[in-house]
Amino acid sequence: MCRSIKTLRPPALPEEATEEEIRAAALQFVRKVSGFRAPAAHNREVFEHAVDAVAAATAELLAGLEVRGGQPRQATSTAPGRA
């Protein structure tokens, strides 16, 4: 597990994770998996697409998790591109 990635759900965070926190975790994950801190120019598009996909999947996961014994989740979504 990448040590830079933090838990993004309650009770680890007092509130819902922000889009910036989700994207930062996605970036760390893609960096770890790819082995590159920053992609070369010829890999930039696929690298950014992977970060976007991981961020969207993370936002969807967090929105659907039920944390028992905690406060009920708000019906808001932090997924990129969602209103």
PDB file of N, CA and C in Angstrom:
ATOM      1  N   MET A   1       0.851  -1.182   0.000  1.00  0.00           N
ATOM      2  CA  MET A   1       0.000   0.000   0.000  1.00  0.00           C
ATOM      3  C   MET A   1       0.885   1.229   0.000  1.00  0.00           C
ATOM      4  N   CYS A   2       0.536   2.179  -0.803  1.00  0.00           N
ATOM      5  CA  CYS A   2       1.279   3.429  -0.869  1.00  0.00           C
ATOM      6  C   CYS A   2       1.016   4.223   0.410  1.00  0.00           C
ATOM      7  N   ARG A   3       2.047   4.599   1.096  1.00  0.00           N
ATOM      8  CA  ARG A   3       1.883   5.288   2.382  1.00  0.00           C
ATOM      9  C   ARG A   3       1.305   6.681   2.247  1.00  0.00           C
ATOM     10  N   SER A   4       1.395   7.267   1.049  1.00  0.00           N
ATOM     11  CA  SER A   4       0.878   8.622   0.849  1.00  0.00           C
ATOM     12  C   SER A   4      -0.639   8.653   0.701  1.00  0.00           C
ATOM     13  N   ILE A   5      -1.247   7.505   0.440  1.00  0.00           N
ATOM     14  CA  ILE A   5      -2.692   7.460   0.269  1.00  0.00           C
ATOM     15  C   ILE A   5      -3.330   7.316   1.639  1.00  0.00           C
ATOM     16  N   LYS A   6      -4.232   8.243   1.963  1.00  0.00           N
ATOM     17  CA  LYS A   6      -4.887   8.183   3.262  1.00  0.00           C
ATOM     18  C   LYS A   6      -6.316   7.667   3.111  1.00  0.00           C
ATOM     19  N   THR A   7      -6.873   7.204   4.207  1.00  0.00           N
ATOM     20  CA  THR A   7      -8.260   6.748   4.222  1.00  0.00           C
ATOM     21  C   THR A   7      -9.166   7.945   3.984  1.00  0.00           C
ATOM     22  N   LEU A   8     -10.121   7.792   3.071  1.00  0.00           N
ATOM     23  CA  LEU A   8     -10.965   8.910   2.662  1.00  0.00           C
ATOM     24  C   LEU A   8     -12.407   8.789   3.140  1.00  0.00           C
ATOM     25  N   ARG A   9     -12.667   7.943   4.100  1.00  0.00           N
ATOM     26  CA  ARG A   9     -14.038   7.792   4.580  1.00  0.00           C
ATOM     27  C   ARG A   9     -14.089   8.052   6.078  1.00  0.00           C
ATOM     28  N   PRO A  10     -15.273   8.400   6.558  1.00  0.00           N
ATOM     29  CA  PRO A  10     -15.437   8.551   8.005  1.00  0.00           C
ATOM     30  C   PRO A  10     -15.208   7.200   8.694  1.00  0.00           C
ATOM     31  N   PRO A  11     -14.697   7.134   9.862  1.00  0.00           N
ATOM     32  CA  PRO A  11     -14.358   8.252  10.743  1.00  0.00           C
ATOM     33  C   PRO A  11     -12.950   8.794  10.541  1.00  0.00           C
ATOM     34  N   ALA A  12     -12.194   8.298   9.563  1.00  0.00           N
ATOM     35  CA  ALA A  12     -10.837   8.813   9.334  1.00  0.00           C
ATOM     36  C   ALA A  12     -10.857  10.292   8.947  1.00  0.00           C
ATOM     37  N   LEU A  13     -11.858  10.700   8.203  1.00  0.00           N
ATOM     38  CA  LEU A  13     -12.061  12.115   7.877  1.00  0.00           C
ATOM     39  C   LEU A  13     -13.340  12.583   8.565  1.00  0.00           C
ATOM     40  N   PRO A  14     -13.340  13.777   9.130  1.00  0.00           N
ATOM     41  CA  PRO A  14     -14.548  14.248   9.811  1.00  0.00           C
ATOM     42  C   PRO A  14     -15.691  14.544   8.842  1.00  0.00           C
ATOM     43  N   GLU A  15     -15.386  14.851   7.591  1.00  0.00           N
ATOM     44  CA  GLU A  15     -16.394  15.150   6.585  1.00  0.00           C
ATOM     45  C   GLU A  15     -16.105  14.316   5.346  1.00  0.00           C
ATOM     46  N   GLU A  16     -16.976  14.417   4.342  1.00  0.00           N
ATOM     47  CA  GLU A  16     -16.752  13.696   3.097  1.00  0.00           C
ATOM     48  C   GLU A  16     -15.467  14.174   2.442  1.00  0.00           C
ATOM     49  N   ALA A  17     -14.800  13.256   1.760  1.00  0.00           N
ATOM     50  CA  ALA A  17     -13.574  13.604   1.054  1.00  0.00           C
ATOM     51  C   ALA A  17     -13.884  14.608  -0.052  1.00  0.00           C
ATOM     52  N   THR A  18     -12.980  15.542  -0.233  1.00  0.00           N
ATOM     53  CA  THR A  18     -13.150  16.526  -1.293  1.00  0.00           C
ATOM     54  C   THR A  18     -12.674  15.933  -2.619  1.00  0.00           C
ATOM     55  N   GLU A  19     -13.062  16.569  -3.705  1.00  0.00           N
ATOM     56  CA  GLU A  19     -12.608  16.141  -5.028  1.00  0.00           C
ATOM     57  C   GLU A  19     -11.081  16.192  -5.109  1.00  0.00           C
ATOM     58  N   GLU A  20     -10.479  17.184  -4.476  1.00  0.00           N
ATOM     59  CA  GLU A  20      -9.019  17.311  -4.473  1.00  0.00           C
ATOM     60  C   GLU A  20      -8.364  16.154  -3.724  1.00  0.00           C
ATOM     61  N   GLU A  21      -8.933  15.750  -2.592  1.00  0.00           N
ATOM     62  CA  GLU A  21      -8.388  14.617  -1.832  1.00  0.00           C
ATOM     63  C   GLU A  21      -8.513  13.320  -2.625  1.00  0.00           C
ATOM     64  N   ILE A  22      -9.651  13.149  -3.296  1.00  0.00           N
ATOM     65  CA  ILE A  22      -9.866  11.942  -4.101  1.00  0.00           C
ATOM     66  C   ILE A  22      -8.881  11.911  -5.265  1.00  0.00           C
ATOM     67  N   ARG A  23      -8.700  13.034  -5.933  1.00  0.00           N
ATOM     68  CA  ARG A  23      -7.777  13.085  -7.074  1.00  0.00           C
ATOM     69  C   ARG A  23      -6.338  12.862  -6.615  1.00  0.00           C
ATOM     70  N   ALA A  24      -5.959  13.414  -5.472  1.00  0.00           N
ATOM     71  CA  ALA A  24      -4.600  13.215  -4.958  1.00  0.00           C
ATOM     72  C   ALA A  24      -4.340  11.736  -4.663  1.00  0.00           C
ATOM     73  N   ALA A  25      -5.319  11.057  -4.088  1.00  0.00           N
ATOM     74  CA  ALA A  25      -5.172   9.625  -3.821  1.00  0.00           C
ATOM     75  C   ALA A  25      -5.086   8.839  -5.130  1.00  0.00           C
ATOM     76  N   ALA A  26      -5.897   9.221  -6.115  1.00  0.00           N
ATOM     77  CA  ALA A  26      -5.865   8.558  -7.415  1.00  0.00           C
ATOM     78  C   ALA A  26      -4.507   8.752  -8.087  1.00  0.00           C
ATOM     79  N   LEU A  27      -3.973   9.949  -8.010  1.00  0.00           N
ATOM     80  CA  LEU A  27      -2.661  10.228  -8.586  1.00  0.00           C
ATOM     81  C   LEU A  27      -1.579   9.383  -7.924  1.00  0.00           C
ATOM     82  N   GLN A  28      -1.610   9.285  -6.608  1.00  0.00           N
ATOM     83  CA  GLN A  28      -0.629   8.460  -5.896  1.00  0.00           C
ATOM     84  C   GLN A  28      -0.738   6.995  -6.303  1.00  0.00           C
ATOM     85  N   PHE A  29      -1.971   6.512  -6.461  1.00  0.00           N
ATOM     86  CA  PHE A  29      -2.181   5.128  -6.865  1.00  0.00           C
ATOM     87  C   PHE A  29      -1.606   4.880  -8.261  1.00  0.00           C
ATOM     88  N   VAL A  30      -1.909   5.762  -9.206  1.00  0.00           N
ATOM     89  CA  VAL A  30      -1.419   5.593 -10.580  1.00  0.00           C
ATOM     90  C   VAL A  30       0.103   5.697 -10.619  1.00  0.00           C
ATOM     91  N   ARG A  31       0.667   6.603  -9.846  1.00  0.00           N
ATOM     92  CA  ARG A  31       2.129   6.700  -9.764  1.00  0.00           C
ATOM     93  C   ARG A  31       2.738   5.392  -9.262  1.00  0.00           C
ATOM     94  N   LYS A  32       2.136   4.838  -8.226  1.00  0.00           N
ATOM     95  CA  LYS A  32       2.650   3.598  -7.642  1.00  0.00           C
ATOM     96  C   LYS A  32       2.567   2.443  -8.629  1.00  0.00           C
ATOM     97  N   VAL A  33       1.407   2.295  -9.258  1.00  0.00           N
ATOM     98  CA  VAL A  33       1.192   1.185 -10.182  1.00  0.00           C
ATOM     99  C   VAL A  33       2.076   1.314 -11.422  1.00  0.00           C
ATOM    100  N   SER A  34       2.195   2.537 -11.959  1.00  0.00           N
ATOM    101  CA  SER A  34       2.964   2.729 -13.190  1.00  0.00           C
ATOM    102  C   SER A  34       4.467   2.759 -12.936  1.00  0.00           C
ATOM    103  N   GLY A  35       4.851   3.122 -11.736  1.00  0.00           N
ATOM    104  CA  GLY A  35       6.276   3.239 -11.441  1.00  0.00           C
ATOM    105  C   GLY A  35       6.865   4.572 -11.867  1.00  0.00           C
ATOM    106  N   PHE A  36       6.019   5.502 -12.313  1.00  0.00           N
ATOM    107  CA  PHE A  36       6.470   6.815 -12.749  1.00  0.00           C
ATOM    108  C   PHE A  36       5.891   7.894 -11.856  1.00  0.00           C
ATOM    109  N   ARG A  37       6.747   8.812 -11.403  1.00  0.00           N
ATOM    110  CA  ARG A  37       6.254   9.950 -10.634  1.00  0.00           C
ATOM    111  C   ARG A  37       5.529  10.914 -11.551  1.00  0.00           C
ATOM    112  N   ALA A  38       6.086  11.111 -12.732  1.00  0.00           N
ATOM    113  CA  ALA A  38       5.462  11.953 -13.753  1.00  0.00           C
ATOM    114  C   ALA A  38       5.642  11.238 -15.086  1.00  0.00           C
ATOM    115  N   PRO A  39       4.620  11.222 -15.919  1.00  0.00           N
ATOM    116  CA  PRO A  39       4.730  10.502 -17.179  1.00  0.00           C
ATOM    117  C   PRO A  39       5.545  11.275 -18.212  1.00  0.00           C
ATOM    118  N   ALA A  40       6.172  10.539 -19.119  1.00  0.00           N
ATOM    119  CA  ALA A  40       6.818  11.160 -20.273  1.00  0.00           C
ATOM    120  C   ALA A  40       5.722  11.742 -21.158  1.00  0.00           C
ATOM    121  N   ALA A  41       6.078  12.644 -22.024  1.00  0.00           N
ATOM    122  CA  ALA A  41       5.096  13.308 -22.884  1.00  0.00           C
ATOM    123  C   ALA A  41       4.250  12.301 -23.658  1.00  0.00           C
ATOM    124  N   HIS A  42       4.864  11.227 -24.130  1.00  0.00           N
ATOM    125  CA  HIS A  42       4.116  10.249 -24.925  1.00  0.00           C
ATOM    126  C   HIS A  42       3.182   9.382 -24.076  1.00  0.00           C
ATOM    127  N   ASN A  43       3.302   9.434 -22.755  1.00  0.00           N
ATOM    128  CA  ASN A  43       2.423   8.673 -21.863  1.00  0.00           C
ATOM    129  C   ASN A  43       1.460   9.562 -21.075  1.00  0.00           C
ATOM    130  N   ARG A  44       1.556  10.860 -21.257  1.00  0.00           N
ATOM    131  CA  ARG A  44       0.773  11.787 -20.441  1.00  0.00           C
ATOM    132  C   ARG A  44      -0.736  11.555 -20.566  1.00  0.00           C
ATOM    133  N   GLU A  45      -1.226  11.363 -21.787  1.00  0.00           N
ATOM    134  CA  GLU A  45      -2.668  11.202 -21.988  1.00  0.00           C
ATOM    135  C   GLU A  45      -3.200   9.957 -21.280  1.00  0.00           C
ATOM    136  N   VAL A  46      -2.531   8.838 -21.429  1.00  0.00           N
ATOM    137  CA  VAL A  46      -3.002   7.602 -20.794  1.00  0.00           C
ATOM    138  C   VAL A  46      -2.857   7.681 -19.272  1.00  0.00           C
ATOM    139  N   PHE A  47      -1.819   8.359 -18.798  1.00  0.00           N
ATOM    140  CA  PHE A  47      -1.603   8.552 -17.372  1.00  0.00           C
ATOM    141  C   PHE A  47      -2.750   9.372 -16.776  1.00  0.00           C
ATOM    142  N   GLU A  48      -3.078  10.501 -17.411  1.00  0.00           N
ATOM    143  CA  GLU A  48      -4.164  11.362 -16.929  1.00  0.00           C
ATOM    144  C   GLU A  48      -5.516  10.645 -17.005  1.00  0.00           C
ATOM    145  N   HIS A  49      -5.713   9.860 -18.054  1.00  0.00           N
ATOM    146  CA  HIS A  49      -6.961   9.090 -18.171  1.00  0.00           C
ATOM    147  C   HIS A  49      -7.071   8.098 -17.009  1.00  0.00           C
ATOM    148  N   ALA A  50      -5.967   7.470 -16.658  1.00  0.00           N
ATOM    149  CA  ALA A  50      -5.975   6.520 -15.543  1.00  0.00           C
ATOM    150  C   ALA A  50      -6.292   7.233 -14.231  1.00  0.00           C
ATOM    151  N   VAL A  51      -5.703   8.402 -14.010  1.00  0.00           N
ATOM    152  CA  VAL A  51      -5.986   9.171 -12.787  1.00  0.00           C
ATOM    153  C   VAL A  51      -7.469   9.532 -12.732  1.00  0.00           C
ATOM    154  N   ASP A  52      -8.026   9.988 -13.866  1.00  0.00           N
ATOM    155  CA  ASP A  52      -9.450  10.337 -13.909  1.00  0.00           C
ATOM    156  C   ASP A  52     -10.327   9.128 -13.611  1.00  0.00           C
ATOM    157  N   ALA A  53      -9.986   7.968 -14.185  1.00  0.00           N
ATOM    158  CA  ALA A  53     -10.783   6.753 -13.980  1.00  0.00           C
ATOM    159  C   ALA A  53     -10.719   6.285 -12.529  1.00  0.00           C
ATOM    160  N   VAL A  54      -9.537   6.321 -11.940  1.00  0.00           N
ATOM    161  CA  VAL A  54      -9.388   5.903 -10.542  1.00  0.00           C
ATOM    162  C   VAL A  54     -10.123   6.882  -9.625  1.00  0.00           C
ATOM    163  N   ALA A  55     -10.042   8.175  -9.915  1.00  0.00           N
ATOM    164  CA  ALA A  55     -10.751   9.176  -9.101  1.00  0.00           C
ATOM    165  C   ALA A  55     -12.259   8.963  -9.179  1.00  0.00           C
ATOM    166  N   ALA A  56     -12.769   8.698 -10.378  1.00  0.00           N
ATOM    167  CA  ALA A  56     -14.216   8.472 -10.537  1.00  0.00           C
ATOM    168  C   ALA A  56     -14.650   7.208  -9.800  1.00  0.00           C
ATOM    169  N   ALA A  57     -13.859   6.136  -9.915  1.00  0.00           N
ATOM    170  CA  ALA A  57     -14.190   4.893  -9.212  1.00  0.00           C
ATOM    171  C   ALA A  57     -14.133   5.090  -7.702  1.00  0.00           C
ATOM    172  N   THR A  58     -13.175   5.870  -7.227  1.00  0.00           N
ATOM    173  CA  THR A  58     -13.055   6.139  -5.800  1.00  0.00           C
ATOM    174  C   THR A  58     -14.248   6.941  -5.289  1.00  0.00           C
ATOM    175  N   ALA A  59     -14.645   7.964  -6.036  1.00  0.00           N
ATOM    176  CA  ALA A  59     -15.803   8.772  -5.641  1.00  0.00           C
ATOM    177  C   ALA A  59     -17.065   7.911  -5.601  1.00  0.00           C
ATOM    178  N   GLU A  60     -17.223   7.035  -6.585  1.00  0.00           N
ATOM    179  CA  GLU A  60     -18.381   6.134  -6.617  1.00  0.00           C
ATOM    180  C   GLU A  60     -18.366   5.180  -5.428  1.00  0.00           C
ATOM    181  N   LEU A  61     -17.199   4.646  -5.125  1.00  0.00           N
ATOM    182  CA  LEU A  61     -17.068   3.752  -3.970  1.00  0.00           C
ATOM    183  C   LEU A  61     -17.428   4.471  -2.681  1.00  0.00           C
ATOM    184  N   LEU A  62     -16.862   5.651  -2.471  1.00  0.00           N
ATOM    185  CA  LEU A  62     -17.123   6.397  -1.235  1.00  0.00           C
ATOM    186  C   LEU A  62     -18.590   6.772  -1.110  1.00  0.00           C
ATOM    187  N   ALA A  63     -19.220   7.116  -2.226  1.00  0.00           N
ATOM    188  CA  ALA A  63     -20.640   7.484  -2.201  1.00  0.00           C
ATOM    189  C   ALA A  63     -21.524   6.295  -1.840  1.00  0.00           C
ATOM    190  N   GLY A  64     -21.083   5.098  -2.154  1.00  0.00           N
ATOM    191  CA  GLY A  64     -21.901   3.917  -1.902  1.00  0.00           C
ATOM    192  C   GLY A  64     -21.617   3.192  -0.603  1.00  0.00           C
ATOM    193  N   LEU A  65     -20.518   3.534   0.058  1.00  0.00           N
ATOM    194  CA  LEU A  65     -20.181   2.844   1.307  1.00  0.00           C
ATOM    195  C   LEU A  65     -21.163   3.178   2.413  1.00  0.00           C
ATOM    196  N   GLU A  66     -21.476   2.178   3.183  1.00  0.00           N
ATOM    197  CA  GLU A  66     -22.301   2.369   4.372  1.00  0.00           C
ATOM    198  C   GLU A  66     -21.410   2.140   5.577  1.00  0.00           C
ATOM    199  N   VAL A  67     -21.165   3.199   6.329  1.00  0.00           N
ATOM    200  CA  VAL A  67     -20.317   3.103   7.519  1.00  0.00           C
ATOM    201  C   VAL A  67     -21.248   2.937   8.704  1.00  0.00           C
ATOM    202  N   ARG A  68     -21.302   1.747   9.228  1.00  0.00           N
ATOM    203  CA  ARG A  68     -22.222   1.470  10.345  1.00  0.00           C
ATOM    204  C   ARG A  68     -21.692   2.049  11.637  1.00  0.00           C
ATOM    205  N   GLY A  69     -22.620   2.521  12.447  1.00  0.00           N
ATOM    206  CA  GLY A  69     -22.251   3.103  13.724  1.00  0.00           C
ATOM    207  C   GLY A  69     -21.846   4.566  13.611  1.00  0.00           C
ATOM    208  N   GLY A  70     -21.899   5.099  12.401  1.00  0.00           N
ATOM    209  CA  GLY A  70     -21.538   6.498  12.184  1.00  0.00           C
ATOM    210  C   GLY A  70     -22.753   7.295  11.784  1.00  0.00           C
ATOM    211  N   GLN A  71     -22.512   8.503  11.385  1.00  0.00           N
ATOM    212  CA  GLN A  71     -23.580   9.375  10.930  1.00  0.00           C
ATOM    213  C   GLN A  71     -24.037   8.934   9.540  1.00  0.00           C
ATOM    214  N   PRO A  72     -25.305   9.100   9.195  1.00  0.00           N
ATOM    215  CA  PRO A  72     -25.764   8.776   7.847  1.00  0.00           C
ATOM    216  C   PRO A  72     -25.060   9.654   6.818  1.00  0.00           C
ATOM    217  N   ARG A  73     -24.763   9.068   5.652  1.00  0.00           N
ATOM    218  CA  ARG A  73     -24.081   9.796   4.589  1.00  0.00           C
ATOM    219  C   ARG A  73     -25.040  10.787   3.931  1.00  0.00           C
ATOM    220  N   GLN A  74     -24.506  11.917   3.523  1.00  0.00           N
ATOM    221  CA  GLN A  74     -25.276  12.879   2.752  1.00  0.00           C
ATOM    222  C   GLN A  74     -25.427  12.343   1.341  1.00  0.00           C
ATOM    223  N   ALA A  75     -26.436  12.760   0.635  1.00  0.00           N
ATOM    224  CA  ALA A  75     -26.696  12.290  -0.719  1.00  0.00           C
ATOM    225  C   ALA A  75     -25.917  13.065  -1.767  1.00  0.00           C
ATOM    226  N   THR A  76     -24.859  13.760  -1.367  1.00  0.00           N
ATOM    227  CA  THR A  76     -24.058  14.511  -2.331  1.00  0.00           C
ATOM    228  C   THR A  76     -23.003  13.627  -2.929  1.00  0.00           C
ATOM    229  N   SER A  77     -22.541  13.992  -4.111  1.00  0.00           N
ATOM    230  CA  SER A  77     -21.507  13.230  -4.805  1.00  0.00           C
ATOM    231  C   SER A  77     -20.322  14.129  -5.066  1.00  0.00           C
ATOM    232  N   THR A  78     -19.107  13.579  -4.892  1.00  0.00           N
ATOM    233  CA  THR A  78     -17.894  14.332  -5.188  1.00  0.00           C
ATOM    234  C   THR A  78     -17.243  13.814  -6.440  1.00  0.00           C
ATOM    235  N   ALA A  79     -17.946  13.004  -7.213  1.00  0.00           N
ATOM    236  CA  ALA A  79     -17.364  12.460  -8.433  1.00  0.00           C
ATOM    237  C   ALA A  79     -17.138  13.575  -9.447  1.00  0.00           C
ATOM    238  N   PRO A  80     -15.988  13.537 -10.110  1.00  0.00           N
ATOM    239  CA  PRO A  80     -15.742  14.549 -11.126  1.00  0.00           C
ATOM    240  C   PRO A  80     -16.819  14.530 -12.197  1.00  0.00           C
ATOM    241  N   GLY A  81     -17.289  15.703 -12.571  1.00  0.00           N
ATOM    242  CA  GLY A  81     -18.276  15.805 -13.635  1.00  0.00           C
ATOM    243  C   GLY A  81     -19.716  15.586 -13.201  1.00  0.00           C
ATOM    244  N   ARG A  82     -19.925  15.327 -11.925  1.00  0.00           N
ATOM    245  CA  ARG A  82     -21.294  15.138 -11.436  1.00  0.00           C
ATOM    246  C   ARG A  82     -21.759  16.402 -10.753  1.00  0.00           C
ATOM    247  N   ALA A  83     -23.033  16.673 -10.853  1.00  0.00           N
ATOM    248  CA  ALA A  83     -23.597  17.858 -10.192  1.00  0.00           C
ATOM    249  C   ALA A  83     -24.498  17.458  -9.061  1.00  0.00           C
TER     250      ALA A  83
END
